[in-house]
Amino acid sequence: MNRLIELLTTDNESELIPSALYNELITSVRDNLVGTQVLARRVGPEGIPGSTLTVALNTRNAMLCEEIAEGAEFPKSRAKAESFDITPKKYGLDIQITREMIEDSRFNDVVWQVEEAGYQMAKKLDTLIMAQIEAGDTAASHTVTGAAAITVANISTAIKNLRTDGYNADYMIVSAAVEDDLHNIDTFHEADKVGNRETFERGLVGRIMGMTVLVSTQVTANYSYVIDSRHAVILVEKRPISIENYKLENNDLVGIAVSARWGVRYLRAEANCVITTT
């Protein structure tokens, strides 16, 4: 951000500010939101020839190996596929910097604008990803309904739901309220109940039943998502985060329009499970 402030104080700020803003914006986008950590696939512009991407998935267990009697004809068996379309939508905002902000050395205002823009773009993408985890859970009828607080049995049932359909849960994403529940489950704090002192000493809240646990404010309150990240959600980026420079001479300001074209969908519904508590 020092480079941005340096440019703001030069005589060429109107030409240089947009490029400096872009560099700082991209840095800000990397805020610790968890959605992009658990994507099964991320397809860039080069993988989307038109406005819509058709995703083909092989139908599980469509081809079967069977016992064949002596002299009998081989049974006909072939793989099958199913598909769905993803059409990215445009999301964005803009940042405006007035000449007065520069003249009055209000650099903190500029820094805040850039950081907030980056965060809000990342937050929107995170929201889209979490919504599709919930949509996949609904389509698969995997929801585990808990009581006032999450229990070990709830977590175990969620893992079982995925395992029954041939998936292996590797991530658990929880809201702040559920994180608090986990902190108060004695099984995750007492070494004699853990059964593995080394795991206990490392801190079991970081990993539970083989899953990496992530906490996000983007998760619906009192919800937990148990997923197989290899098959859960796909992100299609027709336009990664981009900027367009502009100047409004009559308003005495410069700025950038920040935009992206994203399409997000659950990949295989059965790879997602939601635990609800109250």
Protein backbone atom coordinates (compact mmCIF):
# COMPACT_ATOMS: atom_id res chain seq x y z
CA MET A 1 0.00 0.00 0.00
CA ASN A 2 3.02 2.32 0.38
CA ARG A 3 3.41 2.24 -3.41
CA LEU A 4 -0.18 3.40 -3.81
CA ILE A 5 0.34 6.31 -1.42
CA GLU A 6 3.51 7.25 -3.29
CA LEU A 7 1.62 7.35 -6.57
CA LEU A 8 -1.19 9.37 -5.06
CA THR A 9 1.25 12.18 -4.32
CA THR A 10 2.75 12.41 -7.82
CA ASP A 11 1.71 14.74 -10.62
CA ASN A 12 0.61 11.76 -12.74
CA GLU A 13 -1.87 10.31 -10.29
CA SER A 14 -4.79 10.20 -12.73
CA GLU A 15 -2.88 7.82 -15.02
CA LEU A 16 -1.14 5.77 -12.35
CA ILE A 17 -3.80 5.38 -9.66
CA PRO A 18 -5.93 2.77 -11.49
CA SER A 19 -3.02 0.36 -11.99
CA ALA A 20 -1.94 0.82 -8.38
CA LEU A 21 -5.50 0.22 -7.21
CA TYR A 22 -5.64 -2.99 -9.22
CA ASN A 23 -2.50 -4.38 -7.57
CA GLU A 24 -3.81 -3.60 -4.10
CA LEU A 25 -7.27 -4.92 -4.94
CA ILE A 26 -5.96 -8.33 -5.99
CA THR A 27 -4.01 -8.55 -2.73
CA SER A 28 -7.13 -7.72 -0.74
CA VAL A 29 -9.16 -10.39 -2.53
CA ARG A 30 -7.04 -13.02 -0.78
CA ASP A 31 -8.80 -12.47 2.53
CA ASN A 32 -9.24 -15.68 4.50
CA LEU A 33 -12.63 -16.78 3.21
CA VAL A 34 -12.84 -20.52 2.92
CA GLY A 35 -15.00 -21.33 -0.11
CA THR A 36 -12.28 -21.46 -2.73
CA GLN A 37 -10.27 -23.86 -0.54
CA VAL A 38 -12.81 -26.64 -1.02
CA LEU A 39 -13.65 -26.44 -4.73
CA ALA A 40 -13.68 -29.69 -6.67
CA ARG A 41 -12.85 -27.86 -9.88
CA ARG A 42 -12.16 -24.29 -10.97
CA VAL A 43 -12.55 -23.61 -14.70
CA GLY A 44 -11.05 -20.45 -16.17
CA PRO A 45 -11.99 -18.48 -19.31
CA GLU A 46 -9.95 -20.75 -21.55
CA GLY A 47 -12.23 -23.66 -20.60
CA ILE A 48 -15.47 -21.83 -21.53
CA PRO A 49 -15.71 -21.33 -25.30
CA GLY A 50 -19.13 -19.64 -25.18
CA SER A 51 -21.45 -18.09 -22.61
CA THR A 52 -22.33 -21.45 -21.05
CA LEU A 53 -20.26 -24.45 -19.96
CA THR A 54 -21.76 -27.92 -20.22
CA VAL A 55 -20.38 -30.18 -17.50
CA ALA A 56 -20.58 -33.92 -18.17
CA LEU A 57 -20.43 -36.42 -15.32
CA ASN A 58 -20.22 -40.17 -15.65
CA THR A 59 -23.23 -41.92 -14.11
CA ARG A 60 -21.96 -43.88 -11.14
CA ASN A 61 -22.24 -47.68 -11.41
CA ALA A 62 -23.86 -47.56 -14.86
CA MET A 63 -21.30 -50.10 -16.12
CA LEU A 64 -21.30 -53.35 -14.15
CA CYS A 65 -19.08 -56.43 -14.10
CA GLU A 66 -21.15 -59.63 -13.87
CA GLU A 67 -20.53 -63.34 -13.61
CA ILE A 68 -20.77 -65.10 -16.99
CA ALA A 69 -21.80 -68.73 -17.33
CA GLU A 70 -19.71 -71.06 -19.48
CA GLY A 71 -20.50 -70.52 -23.15
CA ALA A 72 -22.89 -67.66 -22.40
CA GLU A 73 -22.93 -64.36 -24.25
CA PHE A 74 -21.14 -61.46 -22.61
CA PRO A 75 -23.69 -59.02 -21.16
CA LYS A 76 -23.85 -55.63 -22.85
CA SER A 77 -22.58 -52.91 -20.53
CA ARG A 78 -21.48 -49.36 -21.24
CA ALA A 79 -20.73 -46.21 -19.34
CA LYS A 80 -23.35 -43.47 -19.23
CA ALA A 81 -23.11 -39.76 -18.60
CA GLU A 82 -25.32 -37.00 -17.30
CA SER A 83 -24.76 -33.29 -17.77
CA PHE A 84 -25.78 -29.83 -16.63
CA ASP A 85 -25.09 -26.29 -17.84
CA ILE A 86 -23.49 -23.42 -15.94
CA THR A 87 -23.95 -19.87 -17.21
CA PRO A 88 -21.71 -17.37 -15.38
CA LYS A 89 -23.32 -14.16 -14.13
CA LYS A 90 -21.65 -10.77 -13.71
CA TYR A 91 -20.89 -9.36 -10.26
CA GLY A 92 -19.12 -6.14 -9.41
CA LEU A 93 -18.75 -2.73 -7.79
CA ASP A 94 -16.71 0.39 -8.34
CA ILE A 95 -14.18 2.46 -6.43
CA GLN A 96 -14.09 6.24 -6.78
CA ILE A 97 -11.27 8.48 -5.59
CA THR A 98 -11.75 12.21 -5.63
CA ARG A 99 -8.99 14.75 -6.14
CA GLU A 100 -9.89 16.19 -2.72
CA MET A 101 -9.02 12.88 -1.08
CA ILE A 102 -5.56 13.12 -2.60
CA GLU A 103 -5.08 16.84 -1.95
CA ASP A 104 -6.14 16.45 1.68
CA SER A 105 -3.87 13.40 2.20
CA ARG A 106 -6.83 11.19 3.11
CA PHE A 107 -4.85 8.11 2.16
CA ASN A 108 -6.51 5.99 4.82
CA ASP A 109 -9.80 6.54 3.00
CA VAL A 110 -8.25 5.27 -0.23
CA VAL A 111 -6.72 2.23 1.48
CA TRP A 112 -10.04 1.40 3.12
CA GLN A 113 -11.91 1.68 -0.20
CA VAL A 114 -9.53 -0.73 -1.92
CA GLU A 115 -9.39 -3.27 0.90
CA GLU A 116 -13.16 -3.25 1.32
CA ALA A 117 -13.73 -3.72 -2.42
CA GLY A 118 -11.40 -6.71 -2.48
CA TYR A 119 -13.05 -8.23 0.56
CA GLN A 120 -16.58 -7.74 -0.78
CA MET A 121 -15.73 -9.43 -4.09
CA ALA A 122 -14.22 -12.40 -2.24
CA LYS A 123 -17.14 -12.50 0.18
CA LYS A 124 -19.65 -12.65 -2.69
CA LEU A 125 -17.87 -15.61 -4.23
CA ASP A 126 -17.75 -17.33 -0.85
CA THR A 127 -21.51 -16.82 -0.47
CA LEU A 128 -22.16 -18.38 -3.88
CA ILE A 129 -20.09 -21.45 -3.00
CA MET A 130 -21.77 -21.99 0.38
CA ALA A 131 -25.22 -21.65 -1.21
CA GLN A 132 -24.40 -24.45 -3.64
CA ILE A 133 -23.24 -26.75 -0.85
CA GLU A 134 -26.68 -26.25 0.70
CA ALA A 135 -28.37 -26.80 -2.67
CA GLY A 136 -26.49 -30.07 -3.17
CA ASP A 137 -27.50 -31.24 0.29
CA THR A 138 -31.15 -30.50 -0.47
CA ALA A 139 -31.01 -32.36 -3.78
CA ALA A 140 -29.41 -35.39 -2.10
CA SER A 141 -31.77 -35.34 0.94
CA HIS A 142 -28.74 -35.58 3.22
CA THR A 143 -29.68 -33.06 5.92
CA VAL A 144 -28.95 -34.12 9.51
CA THR A 145 -31.27 -32.37 11.97
CA GLY A 146 -29.71 -31.77 15.37
CA ALA A 147 -31.00 -30.16 18.54
CA ALA A 148 -29.80 -27.08 20.42
CA ALA A 149 -26.11 -27.94 19.92
CA ILE A 150 -24.21 -30.16 17.51
CA THR A 151 -23.27 -33.62 18.81
CA VAL A 152 -20.72 -36.25 17.94
CA ALA A 153 -23.61 -38.41 16.70
CA ASN A 154 -24.70 -35.64 14.28
CA ILE A 155 -21.22 -35.47 12.79
CA SER A 156 -20.97 -39.24 12.53
CA THR A 157 -24.35 -39.44 10.74
CA ALA A 158 -23.29 -36.77 8.23
CA ILE A 159 -20.13 -38.74 7.43
CA LYS A 160 -22.25 -41.88 7.06
CA ASN A 161 -24.60 -40.12 4.62
CA LEU A 162 -21.69 -39.37 2.31
CA ARG A 163 -20.04 -42.76 2.79
CA THR A 164 -23.28 -44.60 1.95
CA ASP A 165 -23.33 -42.87 -1.44
CA GLY A 166 -19.66 -43.65 -2.09
CA TYR A 167 -18.03 -40.39 -0.94
CA ASN A 168 -15.44 -39.66 1.75
CA ALA A 169 -15.91 -36.56 3.91
CA ASP A 170 -12.70 -34.54 4.07
CA TYR A 171 -13.90 -31.05 5.10
CA MET A 172 -16.29 -29.75 7.73
CA ILE A 173 -17.19 -26.05 7.43
CA VAL A 174 -18.97 -24.58 10.45
CA SER A 175 -20.51 -21.31 11.60
CA ALA A 176 -19.16 -19.48 14.64
CA ALA A 177 -22.04 -20.82 16.77
CA VAL A 178 -21.21 -24.41 15.86
CA GLU A 179 -17.53 -23.78 16.51
CA ASP A 180 -18.56 -22.80 20.04
CA ASP A 181 -20.53 -26.06 20.34
CA LEU A 182 -17.44 -28.03 19.30
CA HIS A 183 -15.35 -26.27 21.92
CA ASN A 184 -17.79 -27.50 24.54
CA ILE A 185 -17.89 -31.18 23.56
CA ASP A 186 -15.69 -32.88 26.11
CA THR A 187 -14.88 -35.74 23.74
CA PHE A 188 -12.71 -33.31 21.79
CA HIS A 189 -10.80 -32.20 24.89
CA GLU A 190 -10.19 -35.29 26.99
CA ALA A 191 -7.21 -37.34 25.88
CA ASP A 192 -8.57 -40.60 27.28
CA LYS A 193 -11.63 -40.26 25.04
CA VAL A 194 -9.69 -39.21 21.96
CA GLY A 195 -7.77 -42.46 21.91
CA ASN A 196 -4.76 -40.86 20.24
CA ARG A 197 -2.66 -38.60 22.45
CA GLU A 198 -0.63 -37.20 19.56
CA THR A 199 -3.82 -36.03 17.79
CA PHE A 200 -5.13 -34.57 21.03
CA GLU A 201 -1.94 -32.65 21.68
CA ARG A 202 -2.04 -31.12 18.18
CA GLY A 203 -5.60 -29.86 18.84
CA LEU A 204 -8.51 -31.95 17.64
CA VAL A 205 -10.72 -28.99 16.83
CA GLY A 206 -8.54 -28.50 13.71
CA ARG A 207 -9.36 -32.02 12.53
CA ILE A 208 -12.38 -34.06 13.55
CA MET A 209 -12.96 -37.66 12.45
CA GLY A 210 -10.45 -37.27 9.63
CA MET A 211 -11.94 -33.98 8.37
CA THR A 212 -10.27 -30.58 8.27
CA VAL A 213 -12.52 -28.14 10.14
CA LEU A 214 -12.92 -24.59 8.78
CA VAL A 215 -14.91 -21.76 10.36
CA SER A 216 -16.67 -19.18 8.20
CA THR A 217 -19.07 -16.32 8.86
CA GLN A 218 -20.55 -17.15 5.45
CA VAL A 219 -22.06 -20.37 6.78
CA THR A 220 -25.73 -20.05 7.74
CA ALA A 221 -26.02 -19.56 11.52
CA ASN A 222 -26.09 -22.88 13.41
CA TYR A 223 -25.26 -24.84 10.25
CA SER A 224 -22.36 -27.15 9.48
CA TYR A 225 -21.35 -28.45 6.06
CA VAL A 226 -19.75 -31.87 5.73
CA ILE A 227 -18.42 -32.44 2.21
CA ASP A 228 -16.19 -34.52 -0.03
CA SER A 229 -14.34 -31.59 -1.59
CA ARG A 230 -13.21 -33.68 -4.58
CA HIS A 231 -16.82 -33.85 -5.83
CA ALA A 232 -18.77 -31.10 -4.05
CA VAL A 233 -18.71 -27.78 -5.94
CA ILE A 234 -17.48 -26.41 -9.27
CA LEU A 235 -16.61 -22.77 -10.03
CA VAL A 236 -16.69 -21.45 -13.59
CA GLU A 237 -14.92 -18.09 -14.12
CA LYS A 238 -15.70 -16.61 -17.51
CA ARG A 239 -14.10 -13.40 -16.27
CA PRO A 240 -11.81 -13.53 -13.23
CA ILE A 241 -11.72 -10.37 -11.12
CA SER A 242 -10.99 -7.56 -13.58
CA ILE A 243 -10.97 -3.77 -13.63
CA GLU A 244 -11.89 -1.02 -16.07
CA ASN A 245 -10.27 2.37 -15.55
CA TYR A 246 -12.33 5.51 -15.94
CA LYS A 247 -12.20 9.24 -15.24
CA LEU A 248 -15.09 11.60 -14.60
CA GLU A 249 -13.66 15.00 -15.39
CA ASN A 250 -16.81 16.89 -14.40
CA ASN A 251 -16.75 15.22 -10.99
CA ASP A 252 -12.98 15.62 -10.58
CA LEU A 253 -12.38 11.97 -9.75
CA VAL A 254 -10.74 8.80 -11.01
CA GLY A 255 -11.68 5.23 -10.30
CA ILE A 256 -12.12 1.68 -11.43
CA ALA A 257 -15.06 -0.63 -12.04
CA VAL A 258 -14.37 -4.03 -10.51
CA SER A 259 -16.17 -7.03 -11.97
CA ALA A 260 -16.14 -10.79 -12.41
CA ARG A 261 -18.32 -13.37 -14.17
CA TRP A 262 -18.83 -16.42 -11.98
CA GLY A 263 -20.96 -19.51 -12.20
CA VAL A 264 -21.09 -21.86 -9.21
CA ARG A 265 -22.94 -25.16 -8.87
CA TYR A 266 -22.74 -28.30 -6.81
CA LEU A 267 -20.95 -30.96 -8.82
CA ARG A 268 -22.37 -34.15 -7.28
CA ALA A 269 -25.22 -33.52 -4.86
CA GLU A 270 -24.45 -36.59 -2.73
CA ALA A 271 -20.99 -35.19 -1.85
CA ASN A 272 -22.66 -32.52 0.33
CA CYS A 273 -24.34 -32.82 3.72
CA VAL A 274 -25.71 -30.13 6.04
CA ILE A 275 -26.11 -30.46 9.82
CA THR A 276 -28.67 -28.05 11.29
CA THR A 277 -28.92 -27.04 14.93
CA THR A 278 -30.94 -24.45 16.76
